[in-house]
Amino acid sequence: QVQLVESGGGLVQAGGSLRLSCVASGRAFDNYIMGWFRQAPGKEREFVAAVSWSGGSTYYADSVKGRFTISRDNAKNTVFLQMNLLKPEDTAVYYCAANNKYPQVAAIRLRNAYDFWGQGTQVTVSS
């Protein structure tokens, strides 16, 4: 079991930045691929970014590539999402998730590959 707690959300103007954090407790954090997903009102939860066990490989949705950066600190059991050049369409609840069963690149972007989820943190970008 892994427990995930996100923080760092808030209200920001378009063009601004936020840094989300997700602290994990429980079993071996560095055994998990970590991902960020988001869900806007009335929309499906969608993939944002993921990072491999070591942090050496990262994956991004096309909509955030070049603006968001995912990273992890295994010594602190923490994964980060640095979000720059935010747009109103980035407004959503952002969820941290952990996956230790499906390391295939094709699976990393799929919600069903992730067994453990945080409670979410709200990000609101005003125009």
N, C-alpha and C. Protein backbone atom coordinates (compact mmCIF):
# COMPACT_ATOMS: atom_id res chain seq x y z
N GLN A 1 0.83 -1.20 0.00
CA GLN A 1 0.00 0.00 0.00
C GLN A 1 0.87 1.24 0.00
N VAL A 2 0.41 2.24 -0.73
CA VAL A 2 1.08 3.54 -0.78
C VAL A 2 0.03 4.61 -0.54
N GLN A 3 0.33 5.53 0.33
CA GLN A 3 -0.55 6.69 0.56
C GLN A 3 0.11 7.91 -0.07
N LEU A 4 -0.68 8.67 -0.79
CA LEU A 4 -0.18 9.82 -1.54
C LEU A 4 -0.91 11.08 -1.10
N VAL A 5 -0.15 12.14 -0.85
CA VAL A 5 -0.75 13.42 -0.45
C VAL A 5 -0.17 14.52 -1.31
N GLU A 6 -1.05 15.18 -2.06
CA GLU A 6 -0.62 16.29 -2.93
C GLU A 6 -0.73 17.62 -2.21
N SER A 7 0.07 18.57 -2.65
CA SER A 7 -0.03 19.95 -2.17
C SER A 7 0.52 20.88 -3.24
N GLY A 8 0.28 22.17 -3.04
CA GLY A 8 0.86 23.16 -3.94
C GLY A 8 -0.11 23.79 -4.92
N GLY A 9 -1.33 23.32 -4.94
CA GLY A 9 -2.31 23.91 -5.84
C GLY A 9 -2.70 25.31 -5.39
N GLY A 10 -3.45 26.01 -6.24
CA GLY A 10 -3.89 27.34 -5.90
C GLY A 10 -4.42 28.08 -7.10
N LEU A 11 -4.58 29.39 -6.92
CA LEU A 11 -5.07 30.28 -7.97
C LEU A 11 -3.90 31.09 -8.51
N VAL A 12 -3.78 31.12 -9.83
CA VAL A 12 -2.67 31.83 -10.47
C VAL A 12 -3.18 32.45 -11.76
N GLN A 13 -2.57 33.55 -12.15
CA GLN A 13 -2.94 34.18 -13.41
C GLN A 13 -2.29 33.45 -14.58
N ALA A 14 -2.89 33.57 -15.72
CA ALA A 14 -2.32 32.98 -16.93
C ALA A 14 -0.90 33.48 -17.14
N GLY A 15 -0.03 32.56 -17.50
CA GLY A 15 1.39 32.88 -17.67
C GLY A 15 2.21 32.64 -16.42
N GLY A 16 1.54 32.40 -15.31
CA GLY A 16 2.23 32.17 -14.06
C GLY A 16 2.69 30.74 -13.88
N SER A 17 3.21 30.46 -12.68
CA SER A 17 3.78 29.14 -12.38
C SER A 17 3.27 28.63 -11.05
N LEU A 18 3.22 27.32 -10.94
CA LEU A 18 2.95 26.63 -9.68
C LEU A 18 3.82 25.39 -9.64
N ARG A 19 4.13 24.95 -8.43
CA ARG A 19 4.86 23.69 -8.25
C ARG A 19 4.04 22.79 -7.34
N LEU A 20 3.63 21.68 -7.87
CA LEU A 20 2.89 20.69 -7.10
C LEU A 20 3.86 19.67 -6.51
N SER A 21 3.54 19.21 -5.31
CA SER A 21 4.32 18.17 -4.65
C SER A 21 3.39 17.02 -4.27
N CYS A 22 3.95 15.84 -4.23
CA CYS A 22 3.21 14.65 -3.80
C CYS A 22 4.14 13.82 -2.93
N VAL A 23 3.77 13.69 -1.67
CA VAL A 23 4.57 12.90 -0.75
C VAL A 23 3.94 11.53 -0.58
N ALA A 24 4.78 10.50 -0.69
CA ALA A 24 4.31 9.13 -0.57
C ALA A 24 4.75 8.51 0.74
N SER A 25 3.89 7.73 1.33
CA SER A 25 4.25 6.95 2.51
C SER A 25 3.84 5.52 2.26
N GLY A 26 4.53 4.61 2.94
CA GLY A 26 4.23 3.20 2.72
C GLY A 26 5.44 2.50 2.14
N ARG A 27 5.18 1.56 1.26
CA ARG A 27 6.25 0.71 0.78
C ARG A 27 7.07 1.36 -0.33
N ALA A 28 8.31 0.96 -0.40
CA ALA A 28 9.35 1.33 -1.34
C ALA A 28 8.94 2.28 -2.48
N PHE A 29 9.06 3.55 -2.21
CA PHE A 29 8.67 4.58 -3.18
C PHE A 29 9.40 4.39 -4.50
N ASP A 30 10.66 4.00 -4.45
CA ASP A 30 11.42 3.93 -5.70
C ASP A 30 11.10 2.70 -6.52
N ASN A 31 10.12 1.89 -6.08
CA ASN A 31 9.62 0.80 -6.90
C ASN A 31 8.49 1.23 -7.83
N TYR A 32 8.06 2.48 -7.68
CA TYR A 32 6.87 2.93 -8.37
C TYR A 32 7.18 3.94 -9.47
N ILE A 33 6.55 3.74 -10.61
CA ILE A 33 6.44 4.81 -11.59
C ILE A 33 5.41 5.79 -11.03
N MET A 34 5.74 7.07 -11.07
CA MET A 34 4.83 8.09 -10.53
C MET A 34 4.26 8.94 -11.65
N GLY A 35 2.98 9.22 -11.55
CA GLY A 35 2.32 10.01 -12.57
C GLY A 35 1.49 11.13 -11.99
N TRP A 36 1.23 12.11 -12.84
CA TRP A 36 0.28 13.17 -12.54
C TRP A 36 -0.84 13.11 -13.58
N PHE A 37 -2.06 13.20 -13.11
CA PHE A 37 -3.23 13.26 -13.96
C PHE A 37 -4.03 14.49 -13.54
N ARG A 38 -4.97 14.90 -14.38
CA ARG A 38 -5.83 16.02 -14.01
C ARG A 38 -7.25 15.79 -14.53
N GLN A 39 -8.18 16.42 -13.84
CA GLN A 39 -9.58 16.29 -14.23
C GLN A 39 -10.27 17.64 -14.10
N ALA A 40 -10.73 18.14 -15.22
CA ALA A 40 -11.49 19.38 -15.25
C ALA A 40 -12.98 19.05 -15.11
N PRO A 41 -13.78 20.01 -14.68
CA PRO A 41 -15.22 19.75 -14.51
C PRO A 41 -15.86 19.26 -15.80
N GLY A 42 -16.59 18.17 -15.69
CA GLY A 42 -17.29 17.62 -16.84
C GLY A 42 -16.43 16.87 -17.82
N LYS A 43 -15.16 16.66 -17.47
CA LYS A 43 -14.25 15.96 -18.38
C LYS A 43 -13.67 14.72 -17.73
N GLU A 44 -13.13 13.84 -18.58
CA GLU A 44 -12.47 12.65 -18.08
C GLU A 44 -11.13 13.02 -17.44
N ARG A 45 -10.70 12.17 -16.52
CA ARG A 45 -9.36 12.35 -15.95
C ARG A 45 -8.34 12.02 -17.03
N GLU A 46 -7.36 12.90 -17.20
CA GLU A 46 -6.40 12.72 -18.28
C GLU A 46 -4.96 12.72 -17.78
N PHE A 47 -4.13 12.03 -18.52
CA PHE A 47 -2.70 11.95 -18.22
C PHE A 47 -2.04 13.30 -18.43
N VAL A 48 -1.12 13.65 -17.52
CA VAL A 48 -0.34 14.87 -17.64
C VAL A 48 1.13 14.54 -17.82
N ALA A 49 1.68 13.76 -16.89
CA ALA A 49 3.12 13.47 -16.93
C ALA A 49 3.41 12.25 -16.07
N ALA A 50 4.54 11.60 -16.34
CA ALA A 50 4.98 10.47 -15.53
C ALA A 50 6.50 10.44 -15.51
N VAL A 51 7.02 9.78 -14.47
CA VAL A 51 8.47 9.67 -14.31
C VAL A 51 8.82 8.26 -13.88
N SER A 52 9.90 7.72 -14.42
CA SER A 52 10.32 6.35 -14.13
C SER A 52 10.86 6.24 -12.71
N TRP A 53 11.16 4.97 -12.31
CA TRP A 53 11.62 4.72 -10.95
C TRP A 53 12.83 5.57 -10.58
N SER A 54 13.77 5.65 -11.50
CA SER A 54 15.02 6.36 -11.19
C SER A 54 14.92 7.86 -11.44
N GLY A 55 13.88 8.25 -12.16
CA GLY A 55 13.79 9.65 -12.58
C GLY A 55 14.47 9.90 -13.91
N GLY A 56 15.04 8.86 -14.49
CA GLY A 56 15.80 9.05 -15.72
C GLY A 56 14.95 9.20 -16.96
N SER A 57 13.71 8.74 -16.90
CA SER A 57 12.80 8.86 -18.05
C SER A 57 11.55 9.60 -17.64
N THR A 58 11.13 10.51 -18.49
CA THR A 58 9.91 11.27 -18.24
C THR A 58 9.01 11.25 -19.46
N TYR A 59 7.72 11.42 -19.23
CA TYR A 59 6.72 11.33 -20.28
C TYR A 59 5.71 12.45 -20.06
N TYR A 60 5.25 13.05 -21.15
CA TYR A 60 4.34 14.18 -21.03
C TYR A 60 3.20 14.09 -22.05
N ALA A 61 2.07 14.64 -21.65
CA ALA A 61 1.01 14.86 -22.61
C ALA A 61 1.44 15.98 -23.55
N ASP A 62 0.99 15.91 -24.78
CA ASP A 62 1.36 16.93 -25.76
C ASP A 62 0.95 18.33 -25.30
N SER A 63 -0.16 18.40 -24.58
CA SER A 63 -0.70 19.70 -24.18
C SER A 63 0.16 20.43 -23.15
N VAL A 64 1.05 19.70 -22.48
CA VAL A 64 1.88 20.34 -21.44
C VAL A 64 3.37 20.28 -21.76
N LYS A 65 3.72 19.58 -22.81
CA LYS A 65 5.14 19.42 -23.16
C LYS A 65 5.78 20.79 -23.38
N GLY A 66 6.94 20.99 -22.77
CA GLY A 66 7.64 22.26 -22.89
C GLY A 66 7.26 23.27 -21.84
N ARG A 67 6.16 23.01 -21.12
CA ARG A 67 5.72 23.93 -20.06
C ARG A 67 5.80 23.29 -18.67
N PHE A 68 5.56 22.01 -18.59
CA PHE A 68 5.56 21.30 -17.30
C PHE A 68 6.79 20.40 -17.21
N THR A 69 7.28 20.23 -15.99
CA THR A 69 8.41 19.33 -15.75
C THR A 69 8.11 18.47 -14.54
N ILE A 70 8.21 17.14 -14.72
CA ILE A 70 8.03 16.22 -13.62
C ILE A 70 9.40 15.76 -13.14
N SER A 71 9.52 15.61 -11.83
CA SER A 71 10.77 15.12 -11.25
C SER A 71 10.44 14.40 -9.94
N ARG A 72 11.43 13.70 -9.41
CA ARG A 72 11.22 12.99 -8.15
C ARG A 72 12.48 13.02 -7.31
N ASP A 73 12.28 12.94 -6.01
CA ASP A 73 13.37 12.83 -5.05
C ASP A 73 13.08 11.59 -4.22
N ASN A 74 13.74 10.47 -4.56
CA ASN A 74 13.45 9.21 -3.89
C ASN A 74 13.88 9.24 -2.42
N ALA A 75 14.86 10.04 -2.08
CA ALA A 75 15.29 10.14 -0.69
C ALA A 75 14.21 10.78 0.18
N LYS A 76 13.34 11.59 -0.44
CA LYS A 76 12.28 12.27 0.30
C LYS A 76 10.90 11.73 -0.05
N ASN A 77 10.86 10.64 -0.82
CA ASN A 77 9.58 10.03 -1.21
C ASN A 77 8.63 11.06 -1.82
N THR A 78 9.15 11.89 -2.67
CA THR A 78 8.36 13.01 -3.20
C THR A 78 8.50 13.09 -4.72
N VAL A 79 7.38 13.38 -5.37
CA VAL A 79 7.38 13.68 -6.80
C VAL A 79 6.84 15.09 -6.98
N PHE A 80 7.39 15.79 -7.96
CA PHE A 80 7.05 17.18 -8.19
C PHE A 80 6.49 17.38 -9.60
N LEU A 81 5.70 18.42 -9.74
CA LEU A 81 5.26 18.85 -11.06
C LEU A 81 5.42 20.37 -11.12
N GLN A 82 6.45 20.80 -11.82
CA GLN A 82 6.66 22.23 -12.01
C GLN A 82 5.86 22.65 -13.24
N MET A 83 4.97 23.62 -13.04
CA MET A 83 4.07 24.05 -14.11
C MET A 83 4.34 25.51 -14.42
N ASN A 84 4.81 25.78 -15.62
CA ASN A 84 5.11 27.13 -16.07
C ASN A 84 4.19 27.52 -17.21
N LEU A 85 4.13 28.81 -17.49
CA LEU A 85 3.32 29.33 -18.60
C LEU A 85 1.90 28.76 -18.55
N LEU A 86 1.32 28.81 -17.38
CA LEU A 86 0.00 28.22 -17.20
C LEU A 86 -1.06 28.92 -18.03
N LYS A 87 -2.02 28.13 -18.47
CA LYS A 87 -3.12 28.62 -19.30
C LYS A 87 -4.45 28.33 -18.59
N PRO A 88 -5.49 29.08 -18.90
CA PRO A 88 -6.79 28.79 -18.28
C PRO A 88 -7.24 27.35 -18.50
N GLU A 89 -6.88 26.75 -19.62
CA GLU A 89 -7.28 25.36 -19.89
C GLU A 89 -6.52 24.35 -19.04
N ASP A 90 -5.54 24.80 -18.27
CA ASP A 90 -4.87 23.92 -17.32
C ASP A 90 -5.65 23.80 -16.01
N THR A 91 -6.71 24.58 -15.86
CA THR A 91 -7.52 24.52 -14.65
C THR A 91 -8.13 23.13 -14.47
N ALA A 92 -7.88 22.54 -13.31
CA ALA A 92 -8.35 21.18 -13.04
C ALA A 92 -7.95 20.80 -11.62
N VAL A 93 -8.46 19.67 -11.19
CA VAL A 93 -7.93 19.02 -9.99
C VAL A 93 -6.80 18.10 -10.47
N TYR A 94 -5.65 18.23 -9.84
CA TYR A 94 -4.47 17.46 -10.22
C TYR A 94 -4.26 16.34 -9.20
N TYR A 95 -4.07 15.13 -9.74
CA TYR A 95 -3.91 13.94 -8.91
C TYR A 95 -2.54 13.31 -9.14
N CYS A 96 -1.95 12.89 -8.05
CA CYS A 96 -0.73 12.11 -8.07
C CYS A 96 -1.11 10.63 -8.04
N ALA A 97 -0.36 9.78 -8.74
CA ALA A 97 -0.69 8.36 -8.79
C ALA A 97 0.58 7.52 -8.85
N ALA A 98 0.47 6.28 -8.37
CA ALA A 98 1.62 5.37 -8.31
C ALA A 98 1.31 4.06 -9.04
N ASN A 99 2.30 3.58 -9.78
CA ASN A 99 2.15 2.38 -10.61
C ASN A 99 3.39 1.52 -10.45
N ASN A 100 3.19 0.27 -9.97
CA ASN A 100 4.35 -0.63 -9.89
C ASN A 100 4.11 -1.93 -10.63
N LYS A 101 3.11 -1.97 -11.49
CA LYS A 101 2.78 -3.21 -12.20
C LYS A 101 2.98 -3.11 -13.71
N TYR A 102 2.90 -1.93 -14.26
CA TYR A 102 2.89 -1.78 -15.71
C TYR A 102 3.95 -0.78 -16.15
N PRO A 103 5.17 -1.26 -16.29
CA PRO A 103 6.25 -0.34 -16.67
C PRO A 103 6.32 -0.06 -18.16
N GLN A 104 5.51 -0.77 -18.94
CA GLN A 104 5.59 -0.58 -20.39
C GLN A 104 5.25 0.86 -20.76
N VAL A 105 5.99 1.38 -21.71
CA VAL A 105 5.79 2.76 -22.12
C VAL A 105 4.35 2.98 -22.57
N ALA A 106 3.78 2.00 -23.24
CA ALA A 106 2.41 2.14 -23.74
C ALA A 106 1.39 2.25 -22.62
N ALA A 107 1.73 1.75 -21.43
CA ALA A 107 0.77 1.74 -20.33
C ALA A 107 0.88 2.96 -19.44
N ILE A 108 2.01 3.61 -19.46
CA ILE A 108 2.30 4.66 -18.49
C ILE A 108 1.29 5.79 -18.55
N ARG A 109 0.68 6.03 -19.72
CA ARG A 109 -0.27 7.13 -19.87
C ARG A 109 -1.70 6.74 -19.53
N LEU A 110 -1.92 5.49 -19.11
CA LEU A 110 -3.27 4.99 -18.88
C LEU A 110 -3.63 5.04 -17.40
N ARG A 111 -4.81 5.55 -17.11
CA ARG A 111 -5.26 5.62 -15.71
C ARG A 111 -5.27 4.25 -15.04
N ASN A 112 -5.68 3.24 -15.76
CA ASN A 112 -5.83 1.91 -15.17
C ASN A 112 -4.50 1.27 -14.80
N ALA A 113 -3.39 1.83 -15.23
CA ALA A 113 -2.09 1.29 -14.87
C ALA A 113 -1.69 1.68 -13.45
N TYR A 114 -2.41 2.61 -12.85
CA TYR A 114 -2.04 3.17 -11.55
C TYR A 114 -2.98 2.64 -10.48
N ASP A 115 -2.38 2.06 -9.43
CA ASP A 115 -3.16 1.45 -8.36
C ASP A 115 -3.49 2.41 -7.23
N PHE A 116 -2.64 3.40 -7.02
CA PHE A 116 -2.79 4.26 -5.85
C PHE A 116 -2.89 5.72 -6.28
N TRP A 117 -3.80 6.44 -5.62
CA TRP A 117 -4.10 7.82 -5.99
C TRP A 117 -4.17 8.70 -4.75
N GLY A 118 -3.76 9.96 -4.95
CA GLY A 118 -3.96 10.94 -3.91
C GLY A 118 -5.35 11.53 -3.97
N GLN A 119 -5.60 12.48 -3.08
CA GLN A 119 -6.93 13.08 -2.99
C GLN A 119 -7.12 14.23 -3.97
N GLY A 120 -6.04 14.71 -4.54
CA GLY A 120 -6.11 15.77 -5.52
C GLY A 120 -5.88 17.15 -4.93
N THR A 121 -5.39 18.06 -5.78
CA THR A 121 -5.20 19.45 -5.40
C THR A 121 -5.69 20.34 -6.54
N GLN A 122 -6.43 21.38 -6.19
CA GLN A 122 -7.07 22.22 -7.20
C GLN A 122 -6.08 23.24 -7.75
N VAL A 123 -6.03 23.33 -9.07
CA VAL A 123 -5.27 24.37 -9.76
C VAL A 123 -6.26 25.18 -10.59
N THR A 124 -6.27 26.49 -10.36
CA THR A 124 -7.15 27.38 -11.10
C THR A 124 -6.31 28.47 -11.74
N VAL A 125 -6.44 28.60 -13.06
CA VAL A 125 -5.69 29.60 -13.82
C VAL A 125 -6.67 30.62 -14.37
N SER A 126 -6.52 31.85 -13.95
CA SER A 126 -7.42 32.91 -14.42
C SER A 126 -6.86 33.60 -15.64
N SER A 127 -7.75 34.05 -16.50
CA SER A 127 -7.31 34.70 -17.75
C SER A 127 -7.14 36.20 -17.56
